[in-house]
Each structure stands twice: as structure tokens, then as C-alpha cells.
């Protein structure tokens, strides 16, 4: 074989490492995009009134003044959904 056309082990390892870095970067971007998606109010059974003593302002997911880490849109501090988790 012609030595100009023959790939060295070092060249192959370098190419594999570059491909691996590219795949890892793509996976991190996809994971980041998925992490930013929120569920619809309908999917989370959101309501603008509390369920007993459970209300958004007492939930770990609530972001004052009117947002949520899980549910999209404007959220009432007195609302409730199935993602409710008591603040510690």
C-alpha cells in the first residue's frame, strides 16, 4: 500500500476523538433544549384556585411573581396543578 494513503493509528484516534466531541456537544444541546420546554396548563391540570392547602405560592416549582418551572404561561400564586411539590 502507498504510505500517503495509509492512515496511522494516531490519525484514526484523533478523528474518533473529534467525532466523539461533536456527538457530546450535540447531545448537550438537545438536553438543554428539552430542559427548557414546559408543559401546557391543560396537560398539568392547572387551575387558578388552590386544592385544599396546596397552592402555587407554596410549591417548589413556583417562580414569583407569576411563573412556574414546569407549567407554561402566567401562573396565579393561588393556583394549583398536578406538579405541585411542597416547599421544604
PDB file of N, CA and C in Angstrom:
ATOM      1  N   UNK A   1       0.839  -1.193   0.000  1.00  0.00           N
ATOM      2  CA  UNK A   1       0.000   0.000   0.000  1.00  0.00           C
ATOM      3  C   UNK A   1       0.871   1.239   0.000  1.00  0.00           C
ATOM      4  N   UNK A   2       0.358   2.295  -0.530  1.00  0.00           N
ATOM      5  CA  UNK A   2       1.046   3.577  -0.568  1.00  0.00           C
ATOM      6  C   UNK A   2       0.961   4.220   0.819  1.00  0.00           C
ATOM      7  N   UNK A   3       2.095   4.673   1.369  1.00  0.00           N
ATOM      8  CA  UNK A   3       2.099   5.240   2.717  1.00  0.00           C
ATOM      9  C   UNK A   3       1.335   6.550   2.808  1.00  0.00           C
ATOM     10  N   UNK A   4       1.197   7.291   1.703  1.00  0.00           N
ATOM     11  CA  UNK A   4       0.424   8.537   1.717  1.00  0.00           C
ATOM     12  C   UNK A   4      -1.057   8.264   1.963  1.00  0.00           C
ATOM     13  N   UNK A   5      -1.524   7.125   1.535  1.00  0.00           N
ATOM     14  CA  UNK A   5      -2.950   6.815   1.650  1.00  0.00           C
ATOM     15  C   UNK A   5      -3.246   6.020   2.921  1.00  0.00           C
ATOM     16  N   UNK A   6      -2.239   5.484   3.544  1.00  0.00           N
ATOM     17  CA  UNK A   6      -2.441   4.655   4.724  1.00  0.00           C
ATOM     18  C   UNK A   6      -2.631   5.548   5.957  1.00  0.00           C
ATOM     19  N   UNK A   7      -3.684   5.301   6.705  1.00  0.00           N
ATOM     20  CA  UNK A   7      -3.967   6.076   7.906  1.00  0.00           C
ATOM     21  C   UNK A   7      -3.201   5.501   9.091  1.00  0.00           C
ATOM     22  N   UNK A   8      -2.608   6.367   9.865  1.00  0.00           N
ATOM     23  CA  UNK A   8      -1.916   5.917  11.069  1.00  0.00           C
ATOM     24  C   UNK A   8      -2.926   5.728  12.194  1.00  0.00           C
ATOM     25  N   UNK A   9      -2.529   4.966  13.171  1.00  0.00           N
ATOM     26  CA  UNK A   9      -3.395   4.755  14.328  1.00  0.00           C
ATOM     27  C   UNK A   9      -3.664   6.080  15.038  1.00  0.00           C
ATOM     28  N   UNK A  10      -2.670   6.942  15.100  1.00  0.00           N
ATOM     29  CA  UNK A  10      -2.829   8.252  15.730  1.00  0.00           C
ATOM     30  C   UNK A  10      -3.868   9.091  14.989  1.00  0.00           C
ATOM     31  N   UNK A  11      -3.851   9.053  13.669  1.00  0.00           N
ATOM     32  CA  UNK A  11      -4.828   9.806  12.870  1.00  0.00           C
ATOM     33  C   UNK A  11      -6.241   9.287  13.111  1.00  0.00           C
ATOM     34  N   UNK A  12      -6.378   7.967  13.169  1.00  0.00           N
ATOM     35  CA  UNK A  12      -7.693   7.380  13.424  1.00  0.00           C
ATOM     36  C   UNK A  12      -8.207   7.750  14.812  1.00  0.00           C
ATOM     37  N   UNK A  13      -7.332   7.703  15.811  1.00  0.00           N
ATOM     38  CA  UNK A  13      -7.739   8.071  17.167  1.00  0.00           C
ATOM     39  C   UNK A  13      -8.125   9.542  17.244  1.00  0.00           C
ATOM     40  N   UNK A  14      -7.382  10.388  16.563  1.00  0.00           N
ATOM     41  CA  UNK A  14      -7.687  11.811  16.547  1.00  0.00           C
ATOM     42  C   UNK A  14      -9.054  12.059  15.901  1.00  0.00           C
ATOM     43  N   UNK A  15      -9.329  11.380  14.795  1.00  0.00           N
ATOM     44  CA  UNK A  15     -10.612  11.531  14.109  1.00  0.00           C
ATOM     45  C   UNK A  15     -11.759  11.039  14.988  1.00  0.00           C
ATOM     46  N   UNK A  16     -11.537   9.909  15.674  1.00  0.00           N
ATOM     47  CA  UNK A  16     -12.573   9.372  16.558  1.00  0.00           C
ATOM     48  C   UNK A  16     -12.838  10.320  17.726  1.00  0.00           C
ATOM     49  N   UNK A  17     -11.778  10.917  18.270  1.00  0.00           N
ATOM     50  CA  UNK A  17     -11.944  11.860  19.376  1.00  0.00           C
ATOM     51  C   UNK A  17     -12.730  13.084  18.930  1.00  0.00           C
ATOM     52  N   UNK A  18     -12.446  13.597  17.760  1.00  0.00           N
ATOM     53  CA  UNK A  18     -13.175  14.762  17.237  1.00  0.00           C
ATOM     54  C   UNK A  18     -14.643  14.430  17.025  1.00  0.00           C
ATOM     55  N   UNK A  19     -14.909  13.242  16.494  1.00  0.00           N
ATOM     56  CA  UNK A  19     -16.296  12.828  16.284  1.00  0.00           C
ATOM     57  C   UNK A  19     -17.022  12.696  17.615  1.00  0.00           C
ATOM     58  N   UNK A  20     -16.333  12.144  18.615  1.00  0.00           N
ATOM     59  CA  UNK A  20     -16.938  11.995  19.941  1.00  0.00           C
ATOM     60  C   UNK A  20     -17.270  13.330  20.576  1.00  0.00           C
ATOM     61  N   UNK A  21     -16.385  14.311  20.422  1.00  0.00           N
ATOM     62  CA  UNK A  21     -16.633  15.649  20.954  1.00  0.00           C
ATOM     63  C   UNK A  21     -17.848  16.258  20.263  1.00  0.00           C
ATOM     64  N   UNK A  22     -17.952  16.065  18.960  1.00  0.00           N
ATOM     65  CA  UNK A  22     -19.101  16.594  18.221  1.00  0.00           C
ATOM     66  C   UNK A  22     -20.404  15.974  18.675  1.00  0.00           C
ATOM     67  N   UNK A  23     -20.402  14.664  18.890  1.00  0.00           N
ATOM     68  CA  UNK A  23     -21.610  13.984  19.363  1.00  0.00           C
ATOM     69  C   UNK A  23     -21.982  14.435  20.765  1.00  0.00           C
ATOM     70  N   UNK A  24     -21.004  14.593  21.633  1.00  0.00           N
ATOM     71  CA  UNK A  24     -21.269  15.034  23.005  1.00  0.00           C
ATOM     72  C   UNK A  24     -21.852  16.442  23.017  1.00  0.00           C
ATOM     73  N   UNK A  25     -21.322  17.318  22.179  1.00  0.00           N
ATOM     74  CA  UNK A  25     -21.838  18.686  22.109  1.00  0.00           C
ATOM     75  C   UNK A  25     -23.277  18.688  21.608  1.00  0.00           C
ATOM     76  N   UNK A  26     -23.573  17.847  20.630  1.00  0.00           N
ATOM     77  CA  UNK A  26     -24.942  17.750  20.114  1.00  0.00           C
ATOM     78  C   UNK A  26     -25.907  17.227  21.163  1.00  0.00           C
ATOM     79  N   UNK A  27     -25.474  16.251  21.934  1.00  0.00           N
ATOM     80  CA  UNK A  27     -26.324  15.689  22.989  1.00  0.00           C
ATOM     81  C   UNK A  27     -26.586  16.713  24.077  1.00  0.00           C
ATOM     82  N   UNK A  28     -25.564  17.506  24.425  1.00  0.00           N
ATOM     83  CA  UNK A  28     -25.748  18.533  25.459  1.00  0.00           C
ATOM     84  C   UNK A  28     -26.716  19.605  24.988  1.00  0.00           C
ATOM     85  N   UNK A  29     -26.646  19.985  23.720  1.00  0.00           N
ATOM     86  CA  UNK A  29     -27.559  20.976  23.174  1.00  0.00           C
ATOM     87  C   UNK A  29     -28.987  20.441  23.189  1.00  0.00           C
ATOM     88  N   UNK A  30     -29.172  19.190  22.798  1.00  0.00           N
ATOM     89  CA  UNK A  30     -30.505  18.591  22.797  1.00  0.00           C
ATOM     90  C   UNK A  30     -31.056  18.505  24.214  1.00  0.00           C
ATOM     91  N   UNK A  31     -30.221  18.121  25.171  1.00  0.00           N
ATOM     92  CA  UNK A  31     -30.663  18.020  26.565  1.00  0.00           C
ATOM     93  C   UNK A  31     -31.064  19.393  27.091  1.00  0.00           C
ATOM     94  N   UNK A  32     -30.298  20.424  26.744  1.00  0.00           N
ATOM     95  CA  UNK A  32     -30.599  21.784  27.179  1.00  0.00           C
ATOM     96  C   UNK A  32     -31.927  22.251  26.605  1.00  0.00           C
ATOM     97  N   UNK A  33     -32.182  21.952  25.348  1.00  0.00           N
ATOM     98  CA  UNK A  33     -33.439  22.344  24.714  1.00  0.00           C
ATOM     99  C   UNK A  33     -34.610  21.631  25.375  1.00  0.00           C
ATOM    100  N   UNK A  34     -34.442  20.359  25.704  1.00  0.00           N
ATOM    101  CA  UNK A  34     -35.516  19.616  26.346  1.00  0.00           C
ATOM    102  C   UNK A  34     -35.772  20.149  27.752  1.00  0.00           C
ATOM    103  N   UNK A  35     -34.758  20.558  28.435  1.00  0.00           N
ATOM    104  CA  UNK A  35     -34.899  21.068  29.788  1.00  0.00           C
ATOM    105  C   UNK A  35     -35.670  22.369  29.824  1.00  0.00           C
ATOM    106  N   UNK A  36     -35.665  23.104  28.732  1.00  0.00           N
ATOM    107  CA  UNK A  36     -36.328  24.389  28.686  1.00  0.00           C
ATOM    108  C   UNK A  36     -37.806  24.294  28.318  1.00  0.00           C
ATOM    109  N   UNK A  37     -38.260  23.167  27.849  1.00  0.00           N
ATOM    110  CA  UNK A  37     -39.652  23.026  27.472  1.00  0.00           C
ATOM    111  C   UNK A  37     -40.522  22.883  28.716  1.00  0.00           C
ATOM    112  N   UNK A  38     -41.677  23.543  28.675  1.00  0.00           N
ATOM    113  CA  UNK A  38     -42.621  23.455  29.780  1.00  0.00           C
ATOM    114  C   UNK A  38     -43.891  22.785  29.286  1.00  0.00           C
ATOM    115  N   UNK A  39     -44.622  22.208  30.204  1.00  0.00           N
ATOM    116  CA  UNK A  39     -45.881  21.545  29.883  1.00  0.00           C
ATOM    117  C   UNK A  39     -47.005  22.568  29.798  1.00  0.00           C
ATOM    118  N   UNK A  40     -48.022  22.237  29.040  1.00  0.00           N
ATOM    119  CA  UNK A  40     -49.185  23.128  28.924  1.00  0.00           C
ATOM    120  C   UNK A  40     -49.993  23.074  30.222  1.00  0.00           C
ATOM    121  N   UNK A  41     -50.776  24.104  30.432  1.00  0.00           N
ATOM    122  CA  UNK A  41     -51.652  24.145  31.611  1.00  0.00           C
ATOM    123  C   UNK A  41     -52.628  22.977  31.579  1.00  0.00           C
ATOM    124  N   UNK A  42     -53.127  22.672  30.397  1.00  0.00           N
ATOM    125  CA  UNK A  42     -54.088  21.583  30.252  1.00  0.00           C
ATOM    126  C   UNK A  42     -53.449  20.241  30.624  1.00  0.00           C
ATOM    127  N   UNK A  43     -52.233  19.993  30.155  1.00  0.00           N
ATOM    128  CA  UNK A  43     -51.555  18.733  30.450  1.00  0.00           C
ATOM    129  C   UNK A  43     -51.286  18.573  31.943  1.00  0.00           C
ATOM    130  N   UNK A  44     -51.059  19.670  32.644  1.00  0.00           N
ATOM    131  CA  UNK A  44     -50.759  19.617  34.074  1.00  0.00           C
ATOM    132  C   UNK A  44     -52.011  19.823  34.932  1.00  0.00           C
ATOM    133  N   UNK A  45     -53.179  19.888  34.297  1.00  0.00           N
ATOM    134  CA  UNK A  45     -54.454  20.072  35.006  1.00  0.00           C
ATOM    135  C   UNK A  45     -54.405  21.313  35.897  1.00  0.00           C
ATOM    136  N   UNK A  46     -53.845  22.383  35.347  1.00  0.00           N
ATOM    137  CA  UNK A  46     -53.716  23.634  36.090  1.00  0.00           C
ATOM    138  C   UNK A  46     -55.087  24.263  36.313  1.00  0.00           C
ATOM    139  N   UNK A  47     -55.262  24.840  37.499  1.00  0.00           N
ATOM    140  CA  UNK A  47     -56.473  25.605  37.822  1.00  0.00           C
ATOM    141  C   UNK A  47     -56.052  26.857  38.573  1.00  0.00           C
ATOM    142  N   UNK A  48     -56.821  27.931  38.450  1.00  0.00           N
ATOM    143  CA  UNK A  48     -56.484  29.205  39.089  1.00  0.00           C
ATOM    144  C   UNK A  48     -56.859  29.274  40.568  1.00  0.00           C
ATOM    145  N   UNK A  49     -57.312  28.171  41.121  1.00  0.00           N
ATOM    146  CA  UNK A  49     -57.682  28.137  42.542  1.00  0.00           C
ATOM    147  C   UNK A  49     -56.901  27.027  43.234  1.00  0.00           C
ATOM    148  N   UNK A  50     -56.693  27.144  44.534  1.00  0.00           N
ATOM    149  CA  UNK A  50     -55.933  26.110  45.255  1.00  0.00           C
ATOM    150  C   UNK A  50     -56.713  24.807  45.376  1.00  0.00           C
ATOM    151  N   UNK A  51     -56.015  23.756  45.715  1.00  0.00           N
ATOM    152  CA  UNK A  51     -56.628  22.461  46.004  1.00  0.00           C
ATOM    153  C   UNK A  51     -56.377  22.195  47.486  1.00  0.00           C
ATOM    154  N   UNK A  52     -57.348  22.554  48.282  1.00  0.00           N
ATOM    155  CA  UNK A  52     -57.167  22.468  49.734  1.00  0.00           C
ATOM    156  C   UNK A  52     -56.098  23.463  50.157  1.00  0.00           C
ATOM    157  N   UNK A  53     -55.063  22.990  50.834  1.00  0.00           N
ATOM    158  CA  UNK A  53     -53.987  23.885  51.260  1.00  0.00           C
ATOM    159  C   UNK A  53     -52.846  23.921  50.237  1.00  0.00           C
ATOM    160  N   UNK A  54     -53.008  23.251  49.115  1.00  0.00           N
ATOM    161  CA  UNK A  54     -51.991  23.222  48.063  1.00  0.00           C
ATOM    162  C   UNK A  54     -52.226  24.355  47.073  1.00  0.00           C
ATOM    163  N   UNK A  55     -51.278  25.285  47.014  1.00  0.00           N
ATOM    164  CA  UNK A  55     -51.366  26.382  46.052  1.00  0.00           C
ATOM    165  C   UNK A  55     -49.971  26.698  45.529  1.00  0.00           C
ATOM    166  N   UNK A  56     -49.922  27.278  44.371  1.00  0.00           N
ATOM    167  CA  UNK A  56     -48.650  27.517  43.674  1.00  0.00           C
ATOM    168  C   UNK A  56     -47.627  28.264  44.517  1.00  0.00           C
ATOM    169  N   UNK A  57     -48.043  29.258  45.262  1.00  0.00           N
ATOM    170  CA  UNK A  57     -47.085  30.035  46.052  1.00  0.00           C
ATOM    171  C   UNK A  57     -46.368  29.185  47.097  1.00  0.00           C
ATOM    172  N   UNK A  58     -46.914  28.028  47.435  1.00  0.00           N
ATOM    173  CA  UNK A  58     -46.310  27.106  48.394  1.00  0.00           C
ATOM    174  C   UNK A  58     -45.603  25.934  47.707  1.00  0.00           C
ATOM    175  N   UNK A  59     -45.476  26.018  46.379  1.00  0.00           N
ATOM    176  CA  UNK A  59     -44.894  24.931  45.583  1.00  0.00           C
ATOM    177  C   UNK A  59     -43.423  25.201  45.258  1.00  0.00           C
ATOM    178  N   UNK A  60     -42.635  24.173  45.249  1.00  0.00           N
ATOM    179  CA  UNK A  60     -41.214  24.247  44.926  1.00  0.00           C
ATOM    180  C   UNK A  60     -40.982  24.717  43.485  1.00  0.00           C
ATOM    181  N   UNK A  61     -41.938  24.464  42.595  1.00  0.00           N
ATOM    182  CA  UNK A  61     -41.796  24.804  41.184  1.00  0.00           C
ATOM    183  C   UNK A  61     -42.151  26.274  40.883  1.00  0.00           C
ATOM    184  N   UNK A  62     -42.808  26.947  41.800  1.00  0.00           N
ATOM    185  CA  UNK A  62     -43.290  28.315  41.571  1.00  0.00           C
ATOM    186  C   UNK A  62     -42.144  29.312  41.531  1.00  0.00           C
ATOM    187  N   UNK A  63     -42.207  30.237  40.556  1.00  0.00           N
ATOM    188  CA  UNK A  63     -41.236  31.320  40.425  1.00  0.00           C
ATOM    189  C   UNK A  63     -41.997  32.639  40.491  1.00  0.00           C
ATOM    190  N   UNK A  64     -41.865  33.324  41.615  1.00  0.00           N
ATOM    191  CA  UNK A  64     -42.583  34.589  41.815  1.00  0.00           C
ATOM    192  C   UNK A  64     -42.160  35.600  40.745  1.00  0.00           C
ATOM    193  N   UNK A  65     -43.033  36.458  40.303  1.00  0.00           N
ATOM    194  CA  UNK A  65     -44.369  36.667  40.851  1.00  0.00           C
ATOM    195  C   UNK A  65     -45.460  35.810  40.198  1.00  0.00           C
ATOM    196  N   UNK A  66     -45.256  35.306  38.965  1.00  0.00           N
ATOM    197  CA  UNK A  66     -46.349  34.584  38.307  1.00  0.00           C
ATOM    198  C   UNK A  66     -45.846  33.597  37.260  1.00  0.00           C
ATOM    199  N   UNK A  67     -44.876  32.765  37.617  1.00  0.00           N
ATOM    200  CA  UNK A  67     -44.305  31.816  36.672  1.00  0.00           C
ATOM    201  C   UNK A  67     -44.069  30.478  37.360  1.00  0.00           C
ATOM    202  N   UNK A  68     -43.765  29.472  36.549  1.00  0.00           N
ATOM    203  CA  UNK A  68     -43.543  28.128  37.061  1.00  0.00           C
ATOM    204  C   UNK A  68     -42.418  27.466  36.268  1.00  0.00           C
ATOM    205  N   UNK A  69     -41.638  26.623  36.918  1.00  0.00           N
ATOM    206  CA  UNK A  69     -40.559  25.898  36.253  1.00  0.00           C
ATOM    207  C   UNK A  69     -41.101  24.798  35.352  1.00  0.00           C
ATOM    208  N   UNK A  70     -42.327  24.353  35.589  1.00  0.00           N
ATOM    209  CA  UNK A  70     -42.902  23.207  34.894  1.00  0.00           C
ATOM    210  C   UNK A  70     -44.015  23.591  33.921  1.00  0.00           C
ATOM    211  N   UNK A  71     -44.873  24.524  34.304  1.00  0.00           N
ATOM    212  CA  UNK A  71     -46.061  24.879  33.524  1.00  0.00           C
ATOM    213  C   UNK A  71     -45.824  26.177  32.765  1.00  0.00           C
ATOM    214  N   UNK A  72     -46.214  26.196  31.489  1.00  0.00           N
ATOM    215  CA  UNK A  72     -46.032  27.392  30.678  1.00  0.00           C
ATOM    216  C   UNK A  72     -47.106  28.440  30.966  1.00  0.00           C
ATOM    217  N   UNK A  73     -46.784  29.687  30.670  1.00  0.00           N
ATOM    218  CA  UNK A  73     -47.746  30.771  30.804  1.00  0.00           C
ATOM    219  C   UNK A  73     -47.724  31.436  32.168  1.00  0.00           C
ATOM    220  N   UNK A  74     -48.666  32.356  32.338  1.00  0.00           N
ATOM    221  CA  UNK A  74     -48.802  33.084  33.598  1.00  0.00           C
ATOM    222  C   UNK A  74     -49.488  32.189  34.622  1.00  0.00           C
ATOM    223  N   UNK A  75     -48.921  32.142  35.813  1.00  0.00           N
ATOM    224  CA  UNK A  75     -49.411  31.269  36.878  1.00  0.00           C
ATOM    225  C   UNK A  75     -49.861  32.111  38.065  1.00  0.00           C
ATOM    226  N   UNK A  76     -51.044  31.817  38.576  1.00  0.00           N
ATOM    227  CA  UNK A  76     -51.545  32.505  39.762  1.00  0.00           C
ATOM    228  C   UNK A  76     -50.874  31.928  41.011  1.00  0.00           C
ATOM    229  N   UNK A  77     -50.451  32.779  41.948  1.00  0.00           N
ATOM    230  CA  UNK A  77     -49.902  32.271  43.206  1.00  0.00           C
ATOM    231  C   UNK A  77     -50.897  31.399  43.960  1.00  0.00           C
ATOM    232  N   UNK A  78     -52.182  31.590  43.687  1.00  0.00           N
ATOM    233  CA  UNK A  78     -53.228  30.808  44.340  1.00  0.00           C
ATOM    234  C   UNK A  78     -53.675  29.616  43.505  1.00  0.00           C
ATOM    235  N   UNK A  79     -53.019  29.364  42.373  1.00  0.00           N
ATOM    236  CA  UNK A  79     -53.384  28.251  41.506  1.00  0.00           C
ATOM    237  C   UNK A  79     -52.879  26.921  42.035  1.00  0.00           C
ATOM    238  N   UNK A  80     -53.123  25.861  41.242  1.00  0.00           N
ATOM    239  CA  UNK A  80     -52.700  24.513  41.607  1.00  0.00           C
ATOM    240  C   UNK A  80     -52.601  23.663  40.343  1.00  0.00           C
ATOM    241  N   UNK A  81     -51.670  22.699  40.332  1.00  0.00           N
ATOM    242  CA  UNK A  81     -51.611  21.699  39.264  1.00  0.00           C
ATOM    243  C   UNK A  81     -51.050  20.401  39.826  1.00  0.00           C
ATOM    244  N   UNK A  82     -51.016  19.369  39.001  1.00  0.00           N
ATOM    245  CA  UNK A  82     -50.570  18.052  39.468  1.00  0.00           C
ATOM    246  C   UNK A  82     -49.058  17.967  39.689  1.00  0.00           C
ATOM    247  N   UNK A  83     -48.311  19.000  39.309  1.00  0.00           N
ATOM    248  CA  UNK A  83     -46.861  19.014  39.534  1.00  0.00           C
ATOM    249  C   UNK A  83     -46.519  19.617  40.896  1.00  0.00           C
ATOM    250  N   UNK A  84     -47.519  19.916  41.694  1.00  0.00           N
ATOM    251  CA  UNK A  84     -47.306  20.575  42.983  1.00  0.00           C
ATOM    252  C   UNK A  84     -46.411  19.746  43.891  1.00  0.00           C
ATOM    253  N   UNK A  85     -45.383  20.438  44.449  1.00  0.00           N
ATOM    254  CA  UNK A  85     -44.459  19.827  45.411  1.00  0.00           C
ATOM    255  C   UNK A  85     -44.253  20.831  46.541  1.00  0.00           C
ATOM    256  N   UNK A  86     -44.491  20.410  47.758  1.00  0.00           N
ATOM    257  CA  UNK A  86     -44.351  21.288  48.930  1.00  0.00           C
ATOM    258  C   UNK A  86     -42.929  21.828  49.045  1.00  0.00           C
ATOM    259  N   UNK A  87     -42.825  23.157  49.270  1.00  0.00           N
ATOM    260  CA  UNK A  87     -41.516  23.744  49.510  1.00  0.00           C
ATOM    261  C   UNK A  87     -40.946  23.198  50.812  1.00  0.00           C
ATOM    262  N   UNK A  88     -39.631  22.987  50.854  1.00  0.00           N
ATOM    263  CA  UNK A  88     -39.039  22.474  52.099  1.00  0.00           C
ATOM    264  C   UNK A  88     -39.065  23.516  53.208  1.00  0.00           C
TER     265      UNK A  88
END
